[in-house]
Amino acid sequence: MKNRLFSILVILALSASIAIAQEKTKMSFAVLGGVNFQNINGKSYNGDKLANDMLLGYHFGANVQIPIAPEFYFQPGLTFSTKGAKNKSTSSTSTTRLNYIEMPLNMVYKATLGNGFVMLGFGPYLAYGIGGKVKTEGSSLTLEQDVKFKNVVETGDNLLVPYYKAFDAGANIFFGYEMASGMFIQLDSQFGMININPEYKGFTADKSAAKNTGFGLSVGYRF
């Protein structure tokens, strides 16, 4: 059901974008990519704050820019993005990597500056997890496990498997500069608003929570 809902949202948003764009004369497309500095913030099972470190990842994708008013644009897109975090203890290091297909739905303000444009964008994003791994390295042992996406972990499920919810959503903010040639660079920031930890049945005292947060740098070309 979650897969179907996410697919419907993607199709509706992109269909609406194309329909609106056909009535505009200055619609443009862009391809972009860059690096992510991601973390997973939240609480552990007993309510303590997670002590994770940032993880270096990457993203790439495309968007369409649709004029809606002088200097204002609607900019929906579709990207592949890697997220996650590192956690270090005295005896081991655990690295969580989560892969997402994301749909940012940004409003963008562009003002002329020099021969180009300064850009300020903000809006929500929707994301869906399509894979991931958790790698644990100790002094003499390395264990790598595939992430499984579930909303509810049942009592009969293997509790040694890393579980996360597939659906994520939150807010984007970015600031950048676009040159007259179409090349642009932007600093991105993202704040997850959904707890991606699943519900564990039978664990009534579970206080755990996890949210994706981070920032990144993107470069791209608009044509």
N, C-alpha and C. Protein backbone atom coordinates (compact mmCIF):
# COMPACT_ATOMS: atom_id res chain seq x y z
N MET A 1 0.83 -1.20 0.00
CA MET A 1 0.00 0.00 0.00
C MET A 1 0.87 1.26 0.00
N LYS A 2 1.94 1.26 0.81
CA LYS A 2 2.85 2.42 0.85
C LYS A 2 3.52 2.61 -0.51
N ASN A 3 3.94 1.47 -1.15
CA ASN A 3 4.57 1.56 -2.47
C ASN A 3 3.62 2.20 -3.47
N ARG A 4 2.36 1.75 -3.45
CA ARG A 4 1.36 2.25 -4.39
C ARG A 4 1.08 3.73 -4.16
N LEU A 5 0.97 4.14 -2.89
CA LEU A 5 0.70 5.53 -2.55
C LEU A 5 1.83 6.42 -3.01
N PHE A 6 3.07 6.00 -2.76
CA PHE A 6 4.22 6.81 -3.16
C PHE A 6 4.28 6.95 -4.68
N SER A 7 4.01 5.84 -5.40
CA SER A 7 4.02 5.88 -6.86
C SER A 7 2.96 6.84 -7.39
N ILE A 8 1.77 6.81 -6.78
CA ILE A 8 0.69 7.69 -7.21
C ILE A 8 1.06 9.15 -7.00
N LEU A 9 1.68 9.47 -5.84
CA LEU A 9 2.09 10.84 -5.55
C LEU A 9 3.12 11.32 -6.55
N VAL A 10 4.08 10.46 -6.90
CA VAL A 10 5.10 10.84 -7.88
C VAL A 10 4.46 11.13 -9.23
N ILE A 11 3.56 10.24 -9.68
CA ILE A 11 2.92 10.41 -10.99
C ILE A 11 2.07 11.67 -11.03
N LEU A 12 1.28 11.91 -9.96
CA LEU A 12 0.42 13.10 -9.94
C LEU A 12 1.23 14.38 -9.96
N ALA A 13 2.30 14.42 -9.14
CA ALA A 13 3.11 15.64 -9.07
C ALA A 13 3.80 15.93 -10.39
N LEU A 14 4.38 14.91 -11.00
CA LEU A 14 5.07 15.13 -12.27
C LEU A 14 4.09 15.44 -13.39
N SER A 15 2.92 14.80 -13.37
CA SER A 15 1.90 15.07 -14.40
C SER A 15 1.40 16.50 -14.30
N ALA A 16 1.18 16.95 -13.04
CA ALA A 16 0.74 18.33 -12.85
C ALA A 16 1.80 19.31 -13.30
N SER A 17 3.06 18.98 -13.04
CA SER A 17 4.15 19.86 -13.45
C SER A 17 4.20 20.00 -14.96
N ILE A 18 4.05 18.89 -15.66
CA ILE A 18 4.12 18.93 -17.12
C ILE A 18 2.94 19.71 -17.69
N ALA A 19 1.75 19.51 -17.10
CA ALA A 19 0.56 20.21 -17.58
C ALA A 19 0.70 21.71 -17.41
N ILE A 20 1.19 22.13 -16.25
CA ILE A 20 1.38 23.57 -16.01
C ILE A 20 2.46 24.12 -16.92
N ALA A 21 3.52 23.33 -17.08
CA ALA A 21 4.66 23.80 -17.86
C ALA A 21 4.30 24.05 -19.31
N GLN A 22 3.35 23.31 -19.83
CA GLN A 22 2.98 23.47 -21.22
C GLN A 22 2.38 24.84 -21.50
N GLU A 23 1.88 25.49 -20.46
CA GLU A 23 1.29 26.81 -20.62
C GLU A 23 2.32 27.92 -20.43
N LYS A 24 3.53 27.58 -20.09
CA LYS A 24 4.57 28.57 -19.83
C LYS A 24 5.59 28.55 -20.98
N THR A 25 6.26 29.66 -21.16
CA THR A 25 7.22 29.76 -22.25
C THR A 25 8.66 29.63 -21.78
N LYS A 26 8.89 29.63 -20.48
CA LYS A 26 10.25 29.60 -19.97
C LYS A 26 10.50 28.41 -19.06
N MET A 27 9.81 27.34 -19.29
CA MET A 27 10.09 26.12 -18.54
C MET A 27 11.51 25.65 -18.84
N SER A 28 12.19 25.10 -17.84
CA SER A 28 13.54 24.59 -18.06
C SER A 28 13.74 23.32 -17.25
N PHE A 29 14.72 22.55 -17.68
CA PHE A 29 15.07 21.31 -17.01
C PHE A 29 16.51 21.39 -16.51
N ALA A 30 16.83 20.57 -15.51
CA ALA A 30 18.19 20.55 -14.98
C ALA A 30 18.56 19.14 -14.56
N VAL A 31 19.84 18.84 -14.70
CA VAL A 31 20.42 17.63 -14.11
C VAL A 31 21.42 18.10 -13.06
N LEU A 32 21.51 17.34 -11.97
CA LEU A 32 22.39 17.75 -10.88
C LEU A 32 22.87 16.55 -10.10
N GLY A 33 23.93 16.77 -9.35
CA GLY A 33 24.47 15.73 -8.49
C GLY A 33 25.42 16.35 -7.50
N GLY A 34 25.81 15.57 -6.50
CA GLY A 34 26.72 16.11 -5.51
C GLY A 34 26.90 15.18 -4.33
N VAL A 35 27.38 15.75 -3.23
CA VAL A 35 27.70 14.97 -2.03
C VAL A 35 26.72 15.31 -0.92
N ASN A 36 26.48 14.33 -0.05
CA ASN A 36 25.65 14.50 1.15
C ASN A 36 26.52 14.31 2.39
N PHE A 37 26.21 15.06 3.42
CA PHE A 37 26.76 14.83 4.75
C PHE A 37 25.57 14.56 5.65
N GLN A 38 25.29 13.27 5.87
CA GLN A 38 24.04 12.86 6.50
C GLN A 38 24.24 12.33 7.91
N ASN A 39 23.15 12.36 8.67
CA ASN A 39 23.14 11.79 10.01
C ASN A 39 21.74 11.26 10.30
N ILE A 40 21.67 10.40 11.30
CA ILE A 40 20.39 9.93 11.82
C ILE A 40 20.30 10.37 13.26
N ASN A 41 19.42 11.32 13.54
CA ASN A 41 19.25 11.85 14.89
C ASN A 41 18.02 11.24 15.54
N GLY A 42 18.01 11.21 16.86
CA GLY A 42 16.85 10.67 17.57
C GLY A 42 17.21 10.13 18.93
N LYS A 43 16.50 9.08 19.33
CA LYS A 43 16.68 8.49 20.65
C LYS A 43 16.85 6.99 20.55
N SER A 44 17.58 6.43 21.51
CA SER A 44 17.77 4.99 21.59
C SER A 44 16.57 4.35 22.29
N TYR A 45 16.64 3.04 22.46
CA TYR A 45 15.53 2.28 23.05
C TYR A 45 15.11 2.83 24.41
N ASN A 46 16.09 3.24 25.23
CA ASN A 46 15.77 3.72 26.58
C ASN A 46 15.57 5.24 26.64
N GLY A 47 15.57 5.91 25.49
CA GLY A 47 15.30 7.34 25.46
C GLY A 47 16.52 8.23 25.43
N ASP A 48 17.73 7.65 25.48
CA ASP A 48 18.95 8.45 25.41
C ASP A 48 19.15 8.99 23.99
N LYS A 49 19.76 10.17 23.90
CA LYS A 49 20.02 10.77 22.60
C LYS A 49 21.03 9.95 21.83
N LEU A 50 20.75 9.72 20.52
CA LEU A 50 21.68 8.96 19.70
C LEU A 50 22.99 9.74 19.52
N ALA A 51 24.10 9.03 19.64
CA ALA A 51 25.42 9.66 19.50
C ALA A 51 26.05 9.23 18.18
N ASN A 52 25.39 9.56 17.09
CA ASN A 52 25.88 9.18 15.77
C ASN A 52 26.78 10.25 15.18
N ASP A 53 27.63 9.83 14.25
CA ASP A 53 28.47 10.74 13.48
C ASP A 53 27.96 10.84 12.06
N MET A 54 28.32 11.93 11.38
CA MET A 54 27.88 12.13 9.99
C MET A 54 28.52 11.11 9.06
N LEU A 55 27.79 10.83 7.98
CA LEU A 55 28.24 9.89 6.96
C LEU A 55 28.27 10.59 5.61
N LEU A 56 29.34 10.38 4.86
CA LEU A 56 29.46 10.96 3.52
C LEU A 56 28.70 10.10 2.52
N GLY A 57 27.83 10.73 1.74
CA GLY A 57 27.07 10.03 0.72
C GLY A 57 27.03 10.84 -0.56
N TYR A 58 26.06 10.54 -1.42
CA TYR A 58 25.97 11.25 -2.69
C TYR A 58 24.52 11.27 -3.18
N HIS A 59 24.25 12.08 -4.16
CA HIS A 59 22.93 12.16 -4.77
C HIS A 59 23.06 12.58 -6.22
N PHE A 60 22.06 12.22 -7.03
CA PHE A 60 21.99 12.69 -8.42
C PHE A 60 20.55 12.60 -8.88
N GLY A 61 20.20 13.46 -9.85
CA GLY A 61 18.83 13.45 -10.32
C GLY A 61 18.55 14.57 -11.29
N ALA A 62 17.28 14.93 -11.41
CA ALA A 62 16.85 15.95 -12.36
C ALA A 62 15.65 16.69 -11.80
N ASN A 63 15.41 17.89 -12.31
CA ASN A 63 14.21 18.63 -11.93
C ASN A 63 13.70 19.46 -13.10
N VAL A 64 12.48 19.93 -12.96
CA VAL A 64 11.89 20.83 -13.94
C VAL A 64 11.54 22.13 -13.21
N GLN A 65 11.80 23.26 -13.86
CA GLN A 65 11.55 24.57 -13.26
C GLN A 65 10.43 25.27 -14.01
N ILE A 66 9.37 25.64 -13.29
CA ILE A 66 8.16 26.18 -13.90
C ILE A 66 7.88 27.58 -13.35
N PRO A 67 7.88 28.61 -14.19
CA PRO A 67 7.58 29.96 -13.70
C PRO A 67 6.13 30.06 -13.22
N ILE A 68 5.93 30.67 -12.05
CA ILE A 68 4.57 30.88 -11.55
C ILE A 68 4.28 32.35 -11.26
N ALA A 69 5.33 33.16 -11.14
CA ALA A 69 5.21 34.61 -10.92
C ALA A 69 6.58 35.21 -11.20
N PRO A 70 6.67 36.52 -11.41
CA PRO A 70 7.99 37.12 -11.63
C PRO A 70 8.97 36.75 -10.52
N GLU A 71 10.06 36.11 -10.89
CA GLU A 71 11.16 35.71 -10.01
C GLU A 71 10.82 34.52 -9.10
N PHE A 72 9.64 33.93 -9.25
CA PHE A 72 9.26 32.77 -8.44
C PHE A 72 8.96 31.58 -9.35
N TYR A 73 9.39 30.39 -8.86
CA TYR A 73 9.28 29.19 -9.67
C TYR A 73 8.86 28.00 -8.80
N PHE A 74 8.17 27.06 -9.43
CA PHE A 74 7.91 25.77 -8.80
C PHE A 74 8.91 24.78 -9.40
N GLN A 75 9.59 24.02 -8.53
CA GLN A 75 10.69 23.17 -8.99
C GLN A 75 10.57 21.76 -8.42
N PRO A 76 9.74 20.91 -9.01
CA PRO A 76 9.68 19.51 -8.59
C PRO A 76 10.82 18.72 -9.24
N GLY A 77 11.22 17.64 -8.58
CA GLY A 77 12.31 16.84 -9.12
C GLY A 77 12.23 15.40 -8.67
N LEU A 78 13.20 14.64 -9.12
CA LEU A 78 13.31 13.24 -8.73
C LEU A 78 14.79 12.92 -8.61
N THR A 79 15.21 12.40 -7.45
CA THR A 79 16.63 12.14 -7.21
C THR A 79 16.84 10.80 -6.53
N PHE A 80 18.03 10.27 -6.68
CA PHE A 80 18.51 9.13 -5.90
C PHE A 80 19.46 9.70 -4.86
N SER A 81 19.30 9.30 -3.61
CA SER A 81 20.11 9.87 -2.53
C SER A 81 20.49 8.79 -1.52
N THR A 82 21.75 8.84 -1.07
CA THR A 82 22.20 7.93 -0.02
C THR A 82 22.27 8.68 1.30
N LYS A 83 21.76 8.05 2.36
CA LYS A 83 21.74 8.66 3.68
C LYS A 83 22.25 7.65 4.71
N GLY A 84 22.24 8.04 5.98
CA GLY A 84 22.69 7.13 7.01
C GLY A 84 23.49 7.82 8.09
N ALA A 85 24.32 7.03 8.79
CA ALA A 85 25.10 7.57 9.91
C ALA A 85 26.15 6.55 10.32
N LYS A 86 27.11 7.01 11.12
CA LYS A 86 28.11 6.14 11.73
C LYS A 86 27.94 6.19 13.24
N ASN A 87 28.22 5.07 13.88
CA ASN A 87 28.18 5.01 15.34
C ASN A 87 29.41 4.27 15.83
N LYS A 88 30.21 4.95 16.67
CA LYS A 88 31.46 4.37 17.15
C LYS A 88 31.35 4.06 18.64
N SER A 89 31.84 2.89 19.01
CA SER A 89 31.96 2.51 20.42
C SER A 89 33.41 2.14 20.69
N THR A 90 33.70 1.73 21.89
CA THR A 90 35.08 1.39 22.24
C THR A 90 35.57 0.15 21.49
N SER A 91 34.65 -0.72 21.07
CA SER A 91 35.07 -1.98 20.47
C SER A 91 34.68 -2.14 19.00
N SER A 92 33.81 -1.27 18.46
CA SER A 92 33.37 -1.45 17.08
C SER A 92 32.86 -0.15 16.48
N THR A 93 32.71 -0.16 15.15
CA THR A 93 32.12 0.95 14.40
C THR A 93 31.01 0.41 13.52
N SER A 94 29.84 1.01 13.63
CA SER A 94 28.69 0.58 12.84
C SER A 94 28.35 1.68 11.83
N THR A 95 28.22 1.29 10.56
CA THR A 95 27.89 2.23 9.49
C THR A 95 26.57 1.83 8.85
N THR A 96 25.59 2.73 8.91
CA THR A 96 24.28 2.50 8.30
C THR A 96 24.16 3.32 7.04
N ARG A 97 23.88 2.65 5.91
CA ARG A 97 23.68 3.33 4.63
C ARG A 97 22.29 3.00 4.12
N LEU A 98 21.51 4.03 3.83
CA LEU A 98 20.14 3.87 3.34
C LEU A 98 20.01 4.56 1.99
N ASN A 99 19.42 3.88 1.02
CA ASN A 99 19.24 4.43 -0.32
C ASN A 99 17.79 4.81 -0.55
N TYR A 100 17.59 6.03 -1.06
CA TYR A 100 16.23 6.54 -1.24
C TYR A 100 16.02 7.09 -2.65
N ILE A 101 14.80 6.93 -3.13
CA ILE A 101 14.31 7.72 -4.26
C ILE A 101 13.50 8.87 -3.67
N GLU A 102 13.87 10.10 -4.01
CA GLU A 102 13.26 11.29 -3.40
C GLU A 102 12.55 12.14 -4.44
N MET A 103 11.51 12.82 -3.99
CA MET A 103 10.80 13.79 -4.82
C MET A 103 10.71 15.11 -4.06
N PRO A 104 11.65 16.04 -4.30
CA PRO A 104 11.54 17.38 -3.72
C PRO A 104 10.50 18.20 -4.47
N LEU A 105 9.77 19.03 -3.73
CA LEU A 105 8.73 19.89 -4.32
C LEU A 105 8.98 21.32 -3.83
N ASN A 106 9.94 21.98 -4.45
CA ASN A 106 10.43 23.25 -3.93
C ASN A 106 9.83 24.46 -4.63
N MET A 107 9.65 25.52 -3.86
CA MET A 107 9.40 26.85 -4.38
C MET A 107 10.73 27.58 -4.39
N VAL A 108 11.03 28.27 -5.49
CA VAL A 108 12.34 28.89 -5.67
C VAL A 108 12.19 30.37 -6.02
N TYR A 109 12.96 31.19 -5.33
CA TYR A 109 13.06 32.61 -5.65
C TYR A 109 14.41 32.84 -6.33
N LYS A 110 14.39 33.49 -7.50
CA LYS A 110 15.62 33.76 -8.25
C LYS A 110 15.69 35.25 -8.56
N ALA A 111 16.77 35.88 -8.12
CA ALA A 111 16.97 37.32 -8.37
C ALA A 111 18.26 37.51 -9.16
N THR A 112 18.23 38.44 -10.07
CA THR A 112 19.40 38.72 -10.90
C THR A 112 20.55 39.26 -10.04
N LEU A 113 21.72 38.68 -10.24
CA LEU A 113 22.93 39.14 -9.56
C LEU A 113 24.09 38.94 -10.53
N GLY A 114 24.68 40.07 -10.99
CA GLY A 114 25.72 39.98 -11.99
C GLY A 114 25.16 39.44 -13.29
N ASN A 115 25.84 38.43 -13.86
CA ASN A 115 25.39 37.82 -15.10
C ASN A 115 24.52 36.59 -14.86
N GLY A 116 24.18 36.34 -13.60
CA GLY A 116 23.40 35.15 -13.29
C GLY A 116 22.30 35.45 -12.29
N PHE A 117 21.98 34.43 -11.50
CA PHE A 117 20.87 34.54 -10.56
C PHE A 117 21.27 33.94 -9.21
N VAL A 118 20.91 34.63 -8.15
CA VAL A 118 21.01 34.04 -6.83
C VAL A 118 19.70 33.31 -6.56
N MET A 119 19.78 32.13 -5.92
CA MET A 119 18.60 31.28 -5.75
C MET A 119 18.38 30.98 -4.26
N LEU A 120 17.11 30.99 -3.87
CA LEU A 120 16.72 30.56 -2.54
C LEU A 120 15.50 29.66 -2.70
N GLY A 121 15.61 28.42 -2.25
CA GLY A 121 14.53 27.46 -2.42
C GLY A 121 14.14 26.79 -1.12
N PHE A 122 12.87 26.40 -1.04
CA PHE A 122 12.39 25.69 0.14
C PHE A 122 11.13 24.91 -0.24
N GLY A 123 10.87 23.86 0.52
CA GLY A 123 9.67 23.07 0.27
C GLY A 123 9.79 21.68 0.88
N PRO A 124 8.76 20.88 0.73
CA PRO A 124 8.77 19.53 1.29
C PRO A 124 9.47 18.54 0.35
N TYR A 125 9.79 17.39 0.91
CA TYR A 125 10.25 16.28 0.07
C TYR A 125 9.55 15.01 0.53
N LEU A 126 9.35 14.09 -0.40
CA LEU A 126 8.86 12.75 -0.13
C LEU A 126 9.95 11.77 -0.55
N ALA A 127 10.14 10.71 0.21
CA ALA A 127 11.21 9.76 -0.11
C ALA A 127 10.75 8.34 0.19
N TYR A 128 11.35 7.40 -0.53
CA TYR A 128 11.02 5.99 -0.31
C TYR A 128 12.30 5.17 -0.36
N GLY A 129 12.52 4.38 0.69
CA GLY A 129 13.72 3.57 0.78
C GLY A 129 13.68 2.37 -0.16
N ILE A 130 14.76 2.17 -0.90
CA ILE A 130 14.82 1.06 -1.85
C ILE A 130 15.95 0.08 -1.53
N GLY A 131 16.70 0.33 -0.48
CA GLY A 131 17.78 -0.58 -0.12
C GLY A 131 18.69 0.04 0.93
N GLY A 132 19.60 -0.76 1.42
CA GLY A 132 20.54 -0.26 2.41
C GLY A 132 21.30 -1.40 3.07
N LYS A 133 22.36 -1.04 3.78
CA LYS A 133 23.18 -2.01 4.49
C LYS A 133 23.66 -1.42 5.80
N VAL A 134 23.87 -2.29 6.76
CA VAL A 134 24.51 -1.92 8.03
C VAL A 134 25.77 -2.76 8.15
N LYS A 135 26.91 -2.08 8.25
CA LYS A 135 28.21 -2.75 8.35
C LYS A 135 28.80 -2.48 9.72
N THR A 136 29.12 -3.55 10.45
CA THR A 136 29.70 -3.45 11.78
C THR A 136 31.11 -4.03 11.75
N GLU A 137 32.08 -3.22 12.14
CA GLU A 137 33.48 -3.62 12.12
C GLU A 137 34.05 -3.60 13.53
N GLY A 138 34.60 -4.73 13.95
CA GLY A 138 35.26 -4.84 15.24
C GLY A 138 36.74 -5.11 15.06
N SER A 139 37.42 -5.46 16.14
CA SER A 139 38.86 -5.70 16.08
C SER A 139 39.21 -6.90 15.22
N SER A 140 38.35 -7.90 15.20
CA SER A 140 38.66 -9.12 14.43
C SER A 140 37.47 -9.64 13.63
N LEU A 141 36.39 -8.87 13.55
CA LEU A 141 35.18 -9.35 12.90
C LEU A 141 34.49 -8.22 12.14
N THR A 142 34.03 -8.52 10.93
CA THR A 142 33.23 -7.58 10.14
C THR A 142 31.93 -8.26 9.74
N LEU A 143 30.81 -7.62 10.04
CA LEU A 143 29.49 -8.16 9.74
C LEU A 143 28.73 -7.15 8.90
N GLU A 144 28.19 -7.60 7.76
CA GLU A 144 27.41 -6.74 6.88
C GLU A 144 26.03 -7.34 6.67
N GLN A 145 24.98 -6.55 6.92
CA GLN A 145 23.61 -7.01 6.82
C GLN A 145 22.79 -6.09 5.93
N ASP A 146 21.88 -6.67 5.17
CA ASP A 146 20.95 -5.88 4.36
C ASP A 146 19.85 -5.30 5.25
N VAL A 147 19.50 -4.04 4.99
CA VAL A 147 18.38 -3.41 5.69
C VAL A 147 17.08 -3.95 5.13
N LYS A 148 16.11 -4.18 6.02
CA LYS A 148 14.76 -4.55 5.60
C LYS A 148 13.80 -3.45 6.01
N PHE A 149 12.91 -3.07 5.08
CA PHE A 149 11.96 -1.99 5.32
C PHE A 149 10.62 -2.56 5.75
N LYS A 150 10.21 -2.19 6.96
CA LYS A 150 8.93 -2.64 7.52
C LYS A 150 8.39 -1.55 8.42
N ASN A 151 7.08 -1.38 8.43
CA ASN A 151 6.45 -0.44 9.36
C ASN A 151 6.28 -1.04 10.74
N VAL A 152 6.02 -2.35 10.79
CA VAL A 152 5.82 -3.04 12.06
C VAL A 152 6.65 -4.31 12.06
N VAL A 153 7.47 -4.49 13.09
CA VAL A 153 8.25 -5.70 13.27
C VAL A 153 7.48 -6.62 14.20
N GLU A 154 7.09 -7.78 13.70
CA GLU A 154 6.28 -8.72 14.47
C GLU A 154 7.15 -9.51 15.44
N THR A 155 6.51 -10.15 16.40
CA THR A 155 7.24 -10.90 17.43
C THR A 155 8.02 -12.07 16.85
N GLY A 156 7.61 -12.60 15.72
CA GLY A 156 8.31 -13.72 15.13
C GLY A 156 9.43 -13.34 14.18
N ASP A 157 9.61 -12.03 13.92
CA ASP A 157 10.66 -11.57 13.01
C ASP A 157 12.04 -11.67 13.67
N ASN A 158 13.06 -11.80 12.83
CA ASN A 158 14.44 -11.87 13.31
C ASN A 158 14.87 -10.51 13.85
N LEU A 159 15.09 -10.40 15.14
CA LEU A 159 15.41 -9.11 15.76
C LEU A 159 16.87 -8.69 15.53
N LEU A 160 17.67 -9.56 14.93
CA LEU A 160 19.05 -9.22 14.63
C LEU A 160 19.18 -8.48 13.29
N VAL A 161 18.09 -8.44 12.53
CA VAL A 161 18.08 -7.76 11.24
C VAL A 161 17.83 -6.27 11.46
N PRO A 162 18.55 -5.37 10.75
CA PRO A 162 18.27 -3.93 10.86
C PRO A 162 17.00 -3.57 10.09
N TYR A 163 16.02 -3.00 10.78
CA TYR A 163 14.74 -2.63 10.18
C TYR A 163 14.58 -1.10 10.18
N TYR A 164 13.97 -0.59 9.11
CA TYR A 164 13.58 0.82 9.02
C TYR A 164 12.28 0.92 8.24
N LYS A 165 11.55 1.99 8.47
CA LYS A 165 10.39 2.29 7.63
C LYS A 165 10.87 2.78 6.27
N ALA A 166 10.16 2.42 5.23
CA ALA A 166 10.57 2.82 3.88
C ALA A 166 10.22 4.29 3.59
N PHE A 167 9.07 4.75 4.07
CA PHE A 167 8.60 6.09 3.73
C PHE A 167 9.24 7.14 4.63
N ASP A 168 9.68 8.22 4.02
CA ASP A 168 10.26 9.34 4.76
C ASP A 168 9.75 10.64 4.12
N ALA A 169 9.70 11.69 4.90
CA ALA A 169 9.29 13.00 4.39
C ALA A 169 9.87 14.07 5.30
N GLY A 170 10.02 15.26 4.75
CA GLY A 170 10.57 16.34 5.55
C GLY A 170 10.62 17.63 4.76
N ALA A 171 11.58 18.49 5.09
CA ALA A 171 11.68 19.82 4.48
C ALA A 171 13.06 20.03 3.87
N ASN A 172 13.07 20.71 2.70
CA ASN A 172 14.30 21.12 2.03
C ASN A 172 14.50 22.63 2.15
N ILE A 173 15.74 23.05 2.26
CA ILE A 173 16.11 24.45 2.10
C ILE A 173 17.41 24.48 1.32
N PHE A 174 17.50 25.36 0.31
CA PHE A 174 18.78 25.46 -0.40
C PHE A 174 19.05 26.90 -0.82
N PHE A 175 20.32 27.19 -1.01
CA PHE A 175 20.78 28.51 -1.42
C PHE A 175 21.87 28.31 -2.45
N GLY A 176 21.82 29.06 -3.55
CA GLY A 176 22.83 28.85 -4.57
C GLY A 176 22.92 29.98 -5.58
N TYR A 177 23.71 29.71 -6.62
CA TYR A 177 23.91 30.70 -7.68
C TYR A 177 23.92 29.98 -9.02
N GLU A 178 23.17 30.55 -9.98
CA GLU A 178 23.10 30.00 -11.34
C GLU A 178 23.69 31.00 -12.31
N MET A 179 24.65 30.55 -13.11
CA MET A 179 25.30 31.41 -14.09
C MET A 179 24.46 31.51 -15.36
N ALA A 180 24.77 32.50 -16.18
CA ALA A 180 24.02 32.71 -17.42
C ALA A 180 24.14 31.51 -18.35
N SER A 181 25.22 30.77 -18.24
CA SER A 181 25.43 29.59 -19.09
C SER A 181 24.51 28.44 -18.73
N GLY A 182 23.90 28.49 -17.53
CA GLY A 182 23.07 27.40 -17.06
C GLY A 182 23.72 26.56 -15.97
N MET A 183 25.02 26.69 -15.79
CA MET A 183 25.70 25.99 -14.71
C MET A 183 25.29 26.61 -13.37
N PHE A 184 25.11 25.76 -12.35
CA PHE A 184 24.75 26.28 -11.03
C PHE A 184 25.37 25.44 -9.92
N ILE A 185 25.44 26.05 -8.76
CA ILE A 185 25.93 25.39 -7.56
C ILE A 185 25.03 25.79 -6.40
N GLN A 186 24.73 24.86 -5.51
CA GLN A 186 23.84 25.19 -4.41
C GLN A 186 24.19 24.38 -3.16
N LEU A 187 23.95 25.00 -2.02
CA LEU A 187 24.13 24.35 -0.73
C LEU A 187 22.76 23.90 -0.24
N ASP A 188 22.62 22.60 0.00
CA ASP A 188 21.33 22.02 0.36
C ASP A 188 21.31 21.65 1.85
N SER A 189 20.13 21.76 2.45
CA SER A 189 19.92 21.31 3.82
C SER A 189 18.58 20.59 3.89
N GLN A 190 18.55 19.54 4.69
CA GLN A 190 17.35 18.70 4.73
C GLN A 190 17.04 18.29 6.17
N PHE A 191 15.76 18.34 6.51
CA PHE A 191 15.32 18.02 7.87
C PHE A 191 14.20 16.98 7.79
N GLY A 192 14.50 15.75 8.16
CA GLY A 192 13.48 14.70 8.19
C GLY A 192 12.48 14.94 9.31
N MET A 193 11.21 14.71 9.03
CA MET A 193 10.15 14.95 10.01
C MET A 193 9.41 13.69 10.41
N ILE A 194 9.81 12.55 9.86
CA ILE A 194 9.13 11.29 10.15
C ILE A 194 10.09 10.33 10.85
N ASN A 195 9.60 9.69 11.89
CA ASN A 195 10.37 8.67 12.59
C ASN A 195 10.48 7.44 11.68
N ILE A 196 11.69 7.12 11.24
CA ILE A 196 11.87 6.00 10.32
C ILE A 196 12.11 4.68 11.06
N ASN A 197 12.11 4.71 12.39
CA ASN A 197 12.16 3.46 13.15
C ASN A 197 10.80 2.78 13.10
N PRO A 198 10.76 1.49 12.84
CA PRO A 198 9.47 0.79 12.83
C PRO A 198 8.94 0.56 14.24
N GLU A 199 7.69 0.17 14.32
CA GLU A 199 7.10 -0.23 15.60
C GLU A 199 7.47 -1.69 15.87
N TYR A 200 7.98 -1.95 17.08
CA TYR A 200 8.31 -3.32 17.48
C TYR A 200 7.20 -3.83 18.39
N LYS A 201 6.44 -4.80 17.90
CA LYS A 201 5.34 -5.34 18.69
C LYS A 201 5.88 -6.08 19.91
N GLY A 202 5.23 -5.81 21.05
CA GLY A 202 5.64 -6.46 22.28
C GLY A 202 6.65 -5.69 23.08
N PHE A 203 7.20 -4.60 22.51
CA PHE A 203 8.19 -3.77 23.21
C PHE A 203 7.51 -2.46 23.60
N THR A 204 6.72 -2.49 24.65
CA THR A 204 5.92 -1.33 25.04
C THR A 204 6.77 -0.21 25.62
N ALA A 205 7.97 -0.53 26.12
CA ALA A 205 8.83 0.50 26.72
C ALA A 205 9.78 1.13 25.72
N ASP A 206 9.63 0.80 24.44
CA ASP A 206 10.53 1.29 23.41
C ASP A 206 10.35 2.80 23.19
N LYS A 207 11.41 3.57 23.41
CA LYS A 207 11.38 5.01 23.22
C LYS A 207 12.22 5.46 22.01
N SER A 208 12.61 4.51 21.19
CA SER A 208 13.52 4.82 20.09
C SER A 208 12.84 5.67 19.02
N ALA A 209 13.64 6.51 18.39
CA ALA A 209 13.18 7.34 17.27
C ALA A 209 14.38 7.68 16.41
N ALA A 210 14.16 7.80 15.11
CA ALA A 210 15.25 8.11 14.19
C ALA A 210 14.72 8.98 13.05
N LYS A 211 15.46 10.06 12.76
CA LYS A 211 15.08 10.96 11.67
C LYS A 211 16.31 11.31 10.84
N ASN A 212 16.14 11.31 9.53
CA ASN A 212 17.22 11.68 8.63
C ASN A 212 17.42 13.20 8.64
N THR A 213 18.66 13.63 8.81
CA THR A 213 18.99 15.05 8.71
C THR A 213 20.34 15.17 8.01
N GLY A 214 20.59 16.34 7.43
CA GLY A 214 21.90 16.51 6.80
C GLY A 214 21.94 17.72 5.89
N PHE A 215 23.08 17.87 5.23
CA PHE A 215 23.25 18.93 4.25
C PHE A 215 24.14 18.40 3.13
N GLY A 216 24.21 19.15 2.05
CA GLY A 216 25.00 18.69 0.92
C GLY A 216 25.34 19.82 -0.03
N LEU A 217 26.14 19.49 -1.01
CA LEU A 217 26.55 20.45 -2.04
C LEU A 217 26.21 19.85 -3.39
N SER A 218 25.50 20.61 -4.21
CA SER A 218 25.09 20.15 -5.54
C SER A 218 25.65 21.05 -6.62
N VAL A 219 26.01 20.44 -7.72
CA VAL A 219 26.35 21.19 -8.95
C VAL A 219 25.48 20.64 -10.06
N GLY A 220 25.13 21.50 -11.02
CA GLY A 220 24.26 21.02 -12.08
C GLY A 220 24.25 21.94 -13.27
N TYR A 221 23.43 21.58 -14.24
CA TYR A 221 23.30 22.37 -15.47
C TYR A 221 21.84 22.47 -15.85
N ARG A 222 21.38 23.69 -16.09
CA ARG A 222 19.98 23.93 -16.48
C ARG A 222 19.92 24.28 -17.96
N PHE A 223 18.97 23.65 -18.66
CA PHE A 223 18.85 23.88 -20.10
C PHE A 223 17.41 23.99 -20.53
